[in-house]
Amino acid sequence: MKSLYQYIVNYLHEYFDLKLYTSILCFLLVFIIINYNLDFETKYIKTISNVWMRSSIMSLFHGFPFLATALLLNFFEKSHKWQKDPQFWITFLLGFLIIGLSRGVHWGILLRWTMATEDWFLLRSSINWTLKFIMVIIFFGAFYHNFDTSLGHFYGFTFRKFYVTPYLLLLGIAIVFIIIGSFFSDLQNYYPRYKVAHGLSFAEHHHIPTWVSILIYEATYATSFITVEFIFRGFLIYAFTKYFGSYAILPMVTTYCFLHFGKPAIETLSSIIGGYILGIIALKNKNIWGGVMVHVGVAWSMELFGYMQTRF
């Protein structure tokens, strides 16, 4: 834990700039307020029926905060010359096209015709998370082998420098705040996510114990966070350090915040701090698995304490 704390302190000491951070925070607060007043993503993007159009809009939706933060870095003289670098634009455009596709395509809905109603409610998400993970790894793998092999690692998809103990302590601290947050109504209304999966119907239809349906849902739920960590603490940091150096964490954080639009507001706000801390750790250790461990642990804890609040 001391080493993680030291990473953060050292990073802040070297890279904290009050004017830059204030500008980024104001940018985020403005768009958080806009989103939670208009419910923009849920009402205006996710309702688009055409998959390719929805994916394209998602690419723009997530590319916007990243590019806006990159311009702020340039304005405060933390980066330079990336605007005229064709490699930057190839990385940015292809990267966010993949991100938009991963968010715009729902494999469970596309494959609904193959499933019975009792299966679909549970498996639509499980299939979506699993196939999305495979798609992201394949697409970014192709990009990596064509453009980024000089990195020496597949955007942090490596177990080098991965030590479990510090992340267990970090997760323990997060769980304390999750327990407190579970008493807020917006989190109680949103979690556990399993409750909308109709797992009991799935279990009864297949004559299996309920815990099996819970296991299927929660295990595949975990793959969604591997995908998130790979994109945000992997690709969006390591692919752009050549342009922004260690400041690459900041465009990632703003994009990560936009990812949480539609979730409880307290979760969106906490994603700024959480994304920032996990970004520093990933940058230092050059792997994403600490973030995966914390992220999955937090998600499962929210499921558990959300269930306990509902049950008791």
Protein backbone atom coordinates (compact mmCIF):
# COMPACT_ATOMS: atom_id res chain seq x y z
CA MET A 1 0.00 0.00 0.00
CA LYS A 2 2.89 2.32 0.77
CA SER A 3 4.25 1.90 -2.75
CA LEU A 4 0.86 2.75 -4.31
CA TYR A 5 0.58 5.80 -2.09
CA GLN A 6 4.09 6.84 -3.12
CA TYR A 7 3.23 6.47 -6.83
CA ILE A 8 0.32 8.87 -6.42
CA VAL A 9 2.27 11.38 -4.32
CA ASN A 10 5.17 11.37 -6.78
CA TYR A 11 2.86 11.81 -9.74
CA LEU A 12 1.02 14.73 -8.12
CA HIS A 13 4.31 16.34 -7.14
CA GLU A 14 5.59 16.21 -10.70
CA TYR A 15 2.49 16.66 -12.84
CA PHE A 16 -0.14 18.52 -10.81
CA ASP A 17 -1.00 21.89 -12.35
CA LEU A 18 -3.82 23.76 -10.58
CA LYS A 19 -4.97 25.72 -13.64
CA LEU A 20 -4.98 22.65 -15.86
CA TYR A 21 -6.78 20.45 -13.33
CA THR A 22 -9.33 23.18 -12.55
CA SER A 23 -10.06 23.60 -16.26
CA ILE A 24 -10.57 19.86 -16.74
CA LEU A 25 -12.78 19.63 -13.64
CA CYS A 26 -14.93 22.56 -14.80
CA PHE A 27 -15.27 20.93 -18.24
CA LEU A 28 -16.43 17.69 -16.64
CA LEU A 29 -18.84 19.35 -14.22
CA VAL A 30 -20.51 21.26 -17.05
CA PHE A 31 -21.13 18.11 -19.06
CA ILE A 32 -22.14 16.07 -16.01
CA ILE A 33 -24.82 18.68 -15.27
CA ILE A 34 -25.94 18.71 -18.93
CA ASN A 35 -26.11 14.92 -19.06
CA TYR A 36 -28.03 14.46 -15.82
CA ASN A 37 -30.52 17.14 -16.81
CA LEU A 38 -31.08 15.83 -20.34
CA ASP A 39 -30.21 12.15 -19.75
CA PHE A 40 -28.42 12.57 -23.06
CA GLU A 41 -26.85 9.16 -23.58
CA THR A 42 -29.89 7.14 -22.54
CA LYS A 43 -32.49 9.21 -24.41
CA TYR A 44 -30.60 10.35 -27.50
CA ILE A 45 -27.86 7.79 -28.23
CA LYS A 46 -28.98 4.42 -26.92
CA THR A 47 -32.40 4.88 -28.54
CA ILE A 48 -30.87 5.00 -32.05
CA SER A 49 -32.00 1.76 -33.68
CA ASN A 50 -29.37 1.58 -36.43
CA VAL A 51 -26.34 -0.21 -34.98
CA TRP A 52 -23.79 1.52 -37.21
CA MET A 53 -25.23 4.97 -36.58
CA ARG A 54 -25.34 4.32 -32.82
CA SER A 55 -21.74 3.10 -32.86
CA SER A 56 -20.60 6.16 -34.84
CA ILE A 57 -22.31 8.52 -32.40
CA MET A 58 -20.72 6.62 -29.49
CA SER A 59 -17.31 7.12 -31.11
CA LEU A 60 -17.91 10.88 -31.25
CA PHE A 61 -19.41 10.90 -27.74
CA HIS A 62 -16.27 9.36 -26.21
CA GLY A 63 -13.78 10.96 -28.57
CA PHE A 64 -15.01 14.46 -27.71
CA PRO A 65 -13.84 14.62 -24.05
CA PHE A 66 -10.54 12.95 -24.98
CA LEU A 67 -9.81 15.49 -27.72
CA ALA A 68 -11.02 18.42 -25.59
CA THR A 69 -8.60 17.42 -22.81
CA ALA A 70 -5.79 16.98 -25.35
CA LEU A 71 -6.41 20.58 -26.47
CA LEU A 72 -6.29 21.74 -22.85
CA LEU A 73 -2.93 19.97 -22.46
CA ASN A 74 -1.72 21.80 -25.52
CA PHE A 75 -3.07 25.13 -24.25
CA PHE A 76 -1.21 24.73 -20.96
CA GLU A 77 1.93 23.64 -22.84
CA LYS A 78 1.94 20.08 -21.50
CA SER A 79 2.07 18.59 -25.00
CA HIS A 80 2.93 19.77 -28.50
CA LYS A 81 2.97 18.84 -32.18
CA TRP A 82 0.45 16.02 -31.93
CA GLN A 83 -2.08 17.95 -34.04
CA LYS A 84 0.10 17.62 -37.16
CA ASP A 85 1.17 14.03 -36.56
CA PRO A 86 -0.70 11.63 -38.90
CA GLN A 87 0.07 8.73 -36.54
CA PHE A 88 -1.82 10.47 -33.74
CA TRP A 89 -4.94 10.85 -35.87
CA ILE A 90 -4.76 7.25 -37.07
CA THR A 91 -4.50 6.08 -33.44
CA PHE A 92 -7.27 8.42 -32.29
CA LEU A 93 -9.73 7.69 -35.11
CA LEU A 94 -9.28 3.92 -35.26
CA GLY A 95 -9.14 3.63 -31.46
CA PHE A 96 -12.38 5.51 -30.93
CA LEU A 97 -14.09 3.71 -33.80
CA ILE A 98 -13.36 0.45 -31.94
CA ILE A 99 -14.55 1.98 -28.66
CA GLY A 100 -17.73 3.26 -30.34
CA LEU A 101 -18.36 -0.16 -31.86
CA SER A 102 -17.84 -1.87 -28.51
CA ARG A 103 -20.45 0.40 -26.94
CA GLY A 104 -22.86 0.62 -29.87
CA VAL A 105 -23.22 -3.08 -30.63
CA HIS A 106 -25.21 -5.20 -28.18
CA TRP A 107 -24.51 -8.81 -29.07
CA GLY A 108 -27.22 -10.12 -26.77
CA ILE A 109 -29.91 -8.17 -28.62
CA LEU A 110 -28.53 -9.16 -32.03
CA LEU A 111 -28.66 -12.84 -31.00
CA ARG A 112 -32.04 -12.69 -29.28
CA TRP A 113 -33.63 -14.82 -32.00
CA THR A 114 -31.44 -17.77 -30.94
CA MET A 115 -32.65 -17.81 -27.33
CA ALA A 116 -35.81 -18.70 -25.44
CA THR A 117 -37.39 -15.85 -23.46
CA GLU A 118 -36.33 -17.43 -20.15
CA ASP A 119 -32.74 -17.54 -21.38
CA TRP A 120 -32.59 -14.16 -23.04
CA PHE A 121 -33.10 -12.01 -19.95
CA LEU A 122 -30.06 -13.55 -18.28
CA LEU A 123 -27.88 -14.36 -21.28
CA ARG A 124 -28.33 -11.13 -23.26
CA SER A 125 -25.84 -9.36 -21.00
CA SER A 126 -23.58 -12.36 -20.46
CA ILE A 127 -23.23 -12.97 -24.20
CA ASN A 128 -22.78 -9.28 -24.86
CA TRP A 129 -19.97 -8.87 -22.30
CA THR A 130 -18.15 -12.00 -23.46
CA LEU A 131 -18.30 -11.28 -27.19
CA LYS A 132 -17.47 -7.61 -26.62
CA PHE A 133 -14.31 -8.61 -24.76
CA ILE A 134 -13.29 -10.94 -27.60
CA MET A 135 -14.02 -8.26 -30.21
CA VAL A 136 -12.00 -5.60 -28.41
CA ILE A 137 -8.98 -7.89 -27.94
CA ILE A 138 -9.04 -8.92 -31.62
CA PHE A 139 -9.42 -5.38 -33.01
CA PHE A 140 -6.90 -3.74 -30.70
CA GLY A 141 -4.60 -6.74 -31.19
CA ALA A 142 -4.59 -6.07 -34.93
CA PHE A 143 -3.94 -2.38 -34.29
CA TYR A 144 -1.11 -3.16 -31.86
CA HIS A 145 0.68 -5.51 -34.27
CA ASN A 146 0.51 -2.92 -37.04
CA PHE A 147 1.37 0.24 -35.12
CA ASP A 148 2.48 -0.22 -31.49
CA THR A 149 4.73 -3.27 -31.10
CA SER A 150 7.54 -0.95 -29.97
CA LEU A 151 5.68 -0.63 -26.62
CA GLY A 152 6.89 -4.08 -25.61
CA HIS A 153 3.55 -5.06 -24.07
CA PHE A 154 -0.01 -5.36 -25.34
CA TYR A 155 -1.39 -2.18 -23.75
CA GLY A 156 -0.76 -3.49 -20.24
CA PHE A 157 -2.21 -6.95 -20.91
CA THR A 158 0.67 -8.53 -19.02
CA PHE A 159 1.24 -9.80 -15.48
CA ARG A 160 4.67 -8.22 -15.10
CA LYS A 161 4.98 -6.09 -11.95
CA PHE A 162 1.62 -7.32 -10.66
CA TYR A 163 1.52 -7.74 -6.88
CA VAL A 164 -1.78 -8.65 -5.26
CA THR A 165 -1.41 -7.31 -1.70
CA PRO A 166 -1.44 -3.54 -2.35
CA TYR A 167 -4.58 -3.86 -4.45
CA LEU A 168 -6.35 -5.87 -1.76
CA LEU A 169 -5.74 -3.00 0.65
CA LEU A 170 -6.96 -0.49 -1.93
CA LEU A 171 -10.07 -2.60 -2.52
CA GLY A 172 -10.67 -2.79 1.23
CA ILE A 173 -10.73 1.00 1.45
CA ALA A 174 -13.11 1.19 -1.53
CA ILE A 175 -15.48 -1.33 0.09
CA VAL A 176 -15.85 0.93 3.14
CA PHE A 177 -17.16 3.71 0.88
CA ILE A 178 -19.36 1.22 -1.00
CA ILE A 179 -21.01 0.17 2.25
CA ILE A 180 -21.72 3.82 3.04
CA GLY A 181 -22.91 4.50 -0.52
CA SER A 182 -25.26 1.52 -0.44
CA PHE A 183 -27.53 3.50 1.89
CA PHE A 184 -28.15 6.12 -0.84
CA SER A 185 -31.34 5.59 -2.84
CA ASP A 186 -29.82 6.07 -6.31
CA LEU A 187 -27.37 3.21 -5.72
CA GLN A 188 -30.10 1.08 -4.14
CA ASN A 189 -32.26 1.60 -7.23
CA TYR A 190 -29.42 0.64 -9.60
CA TYR A 191 -27.81 -2.31 -7.78
CA PRO A 192 -27.69 -5.25 -7.82
CA ARG A 193 -27.69 -5.46 -11.62
CA TYR A 194 -28.51 -9.16 -11.36
CA LYS A 195 -32.04 -8.28 -10.30
CA VAL A 196 -32.99 -7.28 -13.90
CA ALA A 197 -31.58 -10.53 -15.32
CA HIS A 198 -34.46 -12.76 -14.15
CA GLY A 199 -31.99 -15.39 -13.03
CA LEU A 200 -34.68 -17.37 -11.21
CA SER A 201 -36.61 -17.90 -14.45
CA PHE A 202 -33.41 -19.09 -16.14
CA ALA A 203 -32.68 -21.51 -13.30
CA GLU A 204 -36.21 -22.90 -13.26
CA HIS A 205 -36.28 -23.27 -17.05
CA HIS A 206 -33.09 -25.35 -17.00
CA HIS A 207 -33.78 -27.11 -13.67
CA ILE A 208 -30.56 -25.87 -12.09
CA PRO A 209 -29.83 -24.23 -8.72
CA THR A 210 -30.22 -20.44 -8.60
CA TRP A 211 -26.57 -20.04 -7.63
CA VAL A 212 -25.58 -21.34 -11.09
CA SER A 213 -27.44 -18.51 -12.82
CA ILE A 214 -25.86 -16.03 -10.39
CA LEU A 215 -22.43 -17.47 -11.18
CA ILE A 216 -22.98 -17.19 -14.95
CA TYR A 217 -24.13 -13.60 -14.66
CA GLU A 218 -21.51 -12.36 -12.21
CA ALA A 219 -18.58 -14.18 -13.90
CA THR A 220 -19.38 -12.68 -17.29
CA TYR A 221 -20.08 -9.33 -15.59
CA ALA A 222 -16.42 -9.44 -14.53
CA THR A 223 -15.27 -9.75 -18.17
CA SER A 224 -16.90 -6.41 -18.89
CA PHE A 225 -14.48 -4.78 -16.46
CA ILE A 226 -11.49 -6.46 -18.05
CA THR A 227 -12.67 -4.85 -21.30
CA VAL A 228 -13.04 -1.46 -19.60
CA GLU A 229 -9.62 -1.63 -17.95
CA PHE A 230 -7.98 -2.76 -21.17
CA ILE A 231 -9.46 0.18 -23.08
CA PHE A 232 -9.11 2.91 -20.48
CA ARG A 233 -6.09 1.95 -18.36
CA GLY A 234 -4.48 0.16 -21.29
CA PHE A 235 -5.00 1.56 -24.77
CA LEU A 236 -5.95 5.14 -23.87
CA ILE A 237 -2.82 5.53 -21.73
CA TYR A 238 -0.08 3.52 -23.43
CA ALA A 239 -1.01 4.33 -27.03
CA PHE A 240 -0.90 8.06 -26.27
CA THR A 241 2.08 8.45 -23.95
CA LYS A 242 4.21 9.17 -27.02
CA TYR A 243 2.12 12.32 -27.55
CA PHE A 244 1.24 13.40 -23.99
CA GLY A 245 3.85 11.67 -21.84
CA SER A 246 2.59 10.95 -18.32
CA TYR A 247 -0.21 13.49 -18.85
CA ALA A 248 -1.93 10.79 -20.97
CA ILE A 249 -3.82 9.88 -17.80
CA LEU A 250 -5.91 13.06 -17.99
CA PRO A 251 -7.64 12.55 -21.39
CA MET A 252 -8.33 8.99 -20.27
CA VAL A 253 -9.99 10.21 -17.06
CA THR A 254 -12.38 12.58 -18.83
CA THR A 255 -13.35 9.87 -21.32
CA TYR A 256 -13.81 7.42 -18.44
CA CYS A 257 -16.11 9.88 -16.70
CA PHE A 258 -18.30 10.08 -19.84
CA LEU A 259 -18.48 6.27 -19.81
CA HIS A 260 -20.38 6.50 -16.50
CA PHE A 261 -23.12 8.81 -17.77
CA GLY A 262 -26.41 7.05 -17.13
CA LYS A 263 -25.18 5.49 -13.89
CA PRO A 264 -25.89 7.03 -10.45
CA ALA A 265 -24.39 10.53 -10.23
CA ILE A 266 -22.28 9.63 -7.19
CA GLU A 267 -20.70 6.81 -9.22
CA THR A 268 -19.95 9.17 -12.11
CA LEU A 269 -18.25 11.67 -9.80
CA SER A 270 -16.24 8.96 -8.04
CA SER A 271 -15.11 7.61 -11.42
CA ILE A 272 -12.99 10.75 -11.85
CA ILE A 273 -10.95 10.00 -8.74
CA GLY A 274 -10.97 6.24 -9.26
CA GLY A 275 -9.93 6.50 -12.90
CA TYR A 276 -7.16 8.94 -11.99
CA ILE A 277 -5.70 6.69 -9.27
CA LEU A 278 -5.93 3.52 -11.37
CA GLY A 279 -4.37 5.42 -14.28
CA ILE A 280 -1.35 6.42 -12.20
CA ILE A 281 -0.88 2.85 -11.02
CA ALA A 282 -1.22 1.42 -14.54
CA LEU A 283 1.23 3.98 -15.92
CA LYS A 284 3.78 3.07 -13.28
CA ASN A 285 3.42 -0.72 -13.36
CA LYS A 286 2.70 -1.08 -17.09
CA ASN A 287 -0.09 -3.58 -16.53
CA ILE A 288 -3.86 -3.34 -16.14
CA TRP A 289 -4.47 -6.23 -13.73
CA GLY A 290 -4.36 -4.21 -10.53
CA GLY A 291 -7.13 -2.06 -11.98
CA VAL A 292 -9.04 -5.16 -13.08
CA MET A 293 -8.81 -6.62 -9.58
CA VAL A 294 -10.03 -3.41 -7.92
CA HIS A 295 -12.71 -2.76 -10.53
CA VAL A 296 -14.17 -6.27 -10.41
CA GLY A 297 -13.97 -6.27 -6.61
CA VAL A 298 -15.83 -2.96 -6.44
CA ALA A 299 -18.48 -4.16 -8.92
CA TRP A 300 -19.10 -7.41 -7.06
CA SER A 301 -19.20 -5.51 -3.75
CA MET A 302 -21.85 -3.18 -5.17
CA GLU A 303 -23.82 -6.25 -6.26
CA LEU A 304 -23.48 -7.81 -2.80
CA PHE A 305 -24.35 -4.76 -0.73
CA GLY A 306 -27.06 -3.74 -3.18
CA TYR A 307 -28.63 -7.16 -2.66
CA MET A 308 -28.26 -6.90 1.11
CA GLN A 309 -29.99 -3.50 1.12
CA THR A 310 -32.81 -4.95 -1.00
CA ARG A 311 -33.09 -8.11 1.07
CA PHE A 312 -32.81 -6.70 4.58
